[in-house]
Amino acid sequence: MLGRLCRWIRILGFSAEYVSGGDDDRIIAEKAESSGLILVTRDVLLSARVKDSLLIHSLEIDGQLTEFMKRFHPVDSLMFTRCTVCNSHLRRVSTTDPALKLPPMIRDRFREVEWCNRCSKAYWEGTHYEQMKRKISMILESEHANP
């Protein structure tokens, strides 16, 4: 399963749709090819059926993310622009908006947050944001050191 990788792909700014393992391979392959999507999978046979696919070998998220980023280089301006839950584009909103259900600490600490209109999830540049940026930077640096 690549659910965690799907969330990271969205963090990198790429559109990603997650399909559970129960779906028929034929349907997945047809959907990927007819819609111009790139299939990212750990399934060797499914990958072979889809012309534009990326076969992920690693079992752990750092390795999976490295494999993805070797083929698809993130663009700084697109990172952190998609909802990790539903894949929608985020928009910057003021924390003073009373319609937002934000913890008081976030309202006090931040003037703006990134907001998903579809699922009402808020994102802000807290410690988790810094940790994600560090992870991405480390992978990019190691990729340059080991092409």
Protein backbone atom coordinates (compact mmCIF):
# COMPACT_ATOMS: atom_id res chain seq x y z
CA MET A 1 0.00 0.00 0.00
CA LEU A 2 1.22 3.46 -0.85
CA GLY A 3 -1.20 5.63 1.12
CA ARG A 4 1.56 7.49 2.97
CA LEU A 5 3.43 8.07 -0.28
CA CYS A 6 0.22 9.46 -1.80
CA ARG A 7 0.03 12.06 0.98
CA TRP A 8 3.69 12.96 0.45
CA ILE A 9 3.15 13.30 -3.31
CA ARG A 10 0.42 15.83 -2.50
CA ILE A 11 2.76 17.65 -0.09
CA LEU A 12 5.21 17.95 -2.98
CA GLY A 13 2.47 19.68 -4.97
CA PHE A 14 1.53 16.87 -7.35
CA SER A 15 -2.05 15.76 -7.86
CA ALA A 16 -2.42 12.22 -6.54
CA GLU A 17 -5.36 9.87 -6.42
CA TYR A 18 -5.16 6.89 -4.09
CA VAL A 19 -6.76 3.63 -5.18
CA SER A 20 -7.16 0.88 -2.61
CA GLY A 21 -5.79 -2.58 -3.24
CA GLY A 22 -9.28 -4.02 -3.72
CA ASP A 23 -9.86 -2.36 -7.09
CA ASP A 24 -9.51 -4.43 -10.27
CA ASP A 25 -6.10 -4.01 -11.95
CA ARG A 26 -7.70 -3.75 -15.38
CA ILE A 27 -9.86 -0.83 -14.24
CA ILE A 28 -6.90 0.91 -12.61
CA ALA A 29 -4.76 0.50 -15.75
CA GLU A 30 -7.55 1.75 -18.03
CA LYS A 31 -8.21 4.78 -15.82
CA ALA A 32 -4.53 5.70 -15.64
CA GLU A 33 -4.05 5.49 -19.39
CA SER A 34 -7.34 7.13 -20.42
CA SER A 35 -6.89 10.09 -18.08
CA GLY A 36 -3.17 10.61 -18.69
CA LEU A 37 -2.30 9.78 -15.09
CA ILE A 38 1.01 8.30 -14.08
CA LEU A 39 0.55 5.10 -12.14
CA VAL A 40 2.70 4.77 -9.02
CA THR A 41 2.56 1.23 -7.70
CA ARG A 42 4.43 -1.58 -5.98
CA ASP A 43 2.65 -4.15 -8.16
CA VAL A 44 5.09 -5.41 -10.80
CA LEU A 45 2.40 -6.88 -13.08
CA LEU A 46 0.20 -3.79 -12.89
CA SER A 47 3.17 -1.54 -13.62
CA ALA A 48 3.98 -3.62 -16.70
CA ARG A 49 0.42 -3.09 -18.02
CA VAL A 50 0.59 0.71 -17.86
CA LYS A 51 2.93 2.47 -20.26
CA ASP A 52 3.55 5.50 -18.03
CA SER A 53 4.07 4.05 -14.57
CA LEU A 54 6.57 4.18 -11.75
CA LEU A 55 7.29 0.93 -9.97
CA ILE A 56 8.18 1.56 -6.31
CA HIS A 57 10.53 -1.02 -4.81
CA SER A 58 11.05 0.28 -1.27
CA LEU A 59 8.87 -0.82 1.62
CA GLU A 60 9.59 2.26 3.76
CA ILE A 61 8.38 5.80 3.15
CA ASP A 62 11.78 7.51 2.88
CA GLY A 63 12.86 5.06 0.19
CA GLN A 64 9.53 5.38 -1.62
CA LEU A 65 9.75 9.15 -1.54
CA THR A 66 13.32 9.02 -2.85
CA GLU A 67 12.26 6.79 -5.75
CA PHE A 68 9.41 9.15 -6.59
CA MET A 69 11.54 12.29 -6.38
CA LYS A 70 14.23 10.82 -8.63
CA ARG A 71 11.67 10.77 -11.43
CA PHE A 72 9.48 13.72 -10.49
CA HIS A 73 11.37 16.72 -9.18
CA PRO A 74 9.31 18.94 -6.90
CA VAL A 75 8.87 22.62 -7.70
CA ASP A 76 9.24 24.85 -4.65
CA SER A 77 6.29 27.07 -5.55
CA LEU A 78 3.95 24.04 -5.76
CA MET A 79 4.93 22.37 -2.49
CA PHE A 80 2.36 22.56 0.31
CA THR A 81 -0.40 23.72 -2.06
CA ARG A 82 -2.61 20.59 -1.98
CA CYS A 83 -4.72 19.06 0.74
CA THR A 84 -3.13 15.83 1.93
CA VAL A 85 -6.58 14.37 2.64
CA CYS A 86 -8.61 15.13 -0.51
CA ASN A 87 -6.06 16.45 -3.04
CA SER A 88 -7.81 19.83 -3.52
CA HIS A 89 -5.86 23.04 -3.97
CA LEU A 90 -5.43 25.02 -0.77
CA ARG A 91 -6.09 28.72 -0.40
CA ARG A 92 -4.58 31.16 2.08
CA VAL A 93 -7.13 32.59 4.53
CA SER A 94 -7.01 34.84 7.57
CA THR A 95 -7.17 33.14 10.96
CA THR A 96 -9.62 35.86 12.04
CA ASP A 97 -12.33 34.32 9.85
CA PRO A 98 -14.92 33.12 12.41
CA ALA A 99 -16.13 30.40 10.03
CA LEU A 100 -12.84 28.53 10.46
CA LYS A 101 -12.83 26.03 13.28
CA LEU A 102 -9.26 26.61 14.44
CA PRO A 103 -7.77 25.99 17.87
CA PRO A 104 -7.31 29.29 19.79
CA MET A 105 -3.54 28.68 19.92
CA ILE A 106 -3.38 28.67 16.09
CA ARG A 107 -5.46 31.85 15.87
CA ASP A 108 -3.09 33.53 18.34
CA ARG A 109 0.11 32.31 16.73
CA PHE A 110 -0.64 32.67 12.99
CA ARG A 111 -2.23 35.43 10.93
CA GLU A 112 -3.02 33.11 8.01
CA VAL A 113 -3.40 29.40 7.31
CA GLU A 114 -3.81 27.31 4.19
CA TRP A 115 -7.41 26.10 3.94
CA CYS A 116 -9.11 23.31 2.01
CA ASN A 117 -12.58 24.33 0.87
CA ARG A 118 -13.58 20.74 0.12
CA CYS A 119 -12.83 19.02 3.43
CA SER A 120 -12.31 22.04 5.74
CA LYS A 121 -8.82 21.04 6.80
CA ALA A 122 -6.42 23.79 7.86
CA TYR A 123 -2.63 23.73 7.46
CA TRP A 124 -0.14 26.05 9.12
CA GLU A 125 3.63 26.34 9.24
CA GLY A 126 4.23 24.67 12.59
CA THR A 127 6.94 22.20 13.62
CA HIS A 128 5.46 19.48 11.39
CA TYR A 129 5.90 21.81 8.40
CA GLU A 130 9.59 22.33 9.24
CA GLN A 131 10.09 18.57 9.66
CA MET A 132 8.56 17.89 6.24
CA LYS A 133 10.72 20.56 4.61
CA ARG A 134 13.83 19.02 6.23
CA LYS A 135 12.91 15.55 4.98
CA ILE A 136 12.39 16.82 1.42
CA SER A 137 15.69 18.74 1.52
CA MET A 138 17.59 15.72 2.83
CA ILE A 139 16.22 13.51 0.05
CA LEU A 140 17.02 16.11 -2.60
CA GLU A 141 20.56 16.51 -1.22
CA SER A 142 21.15 12.75 -1.13
CA GLU A 143 19.76 12.47 -4.67
CA HIS A 144 22.33 15.01 -5.89
CA ALA A 145 25.09 13.15 -4.04
CA ASN A 146 23.99 9.75 -5.42
CA PRO A 147 22.41 10.30 -8.86
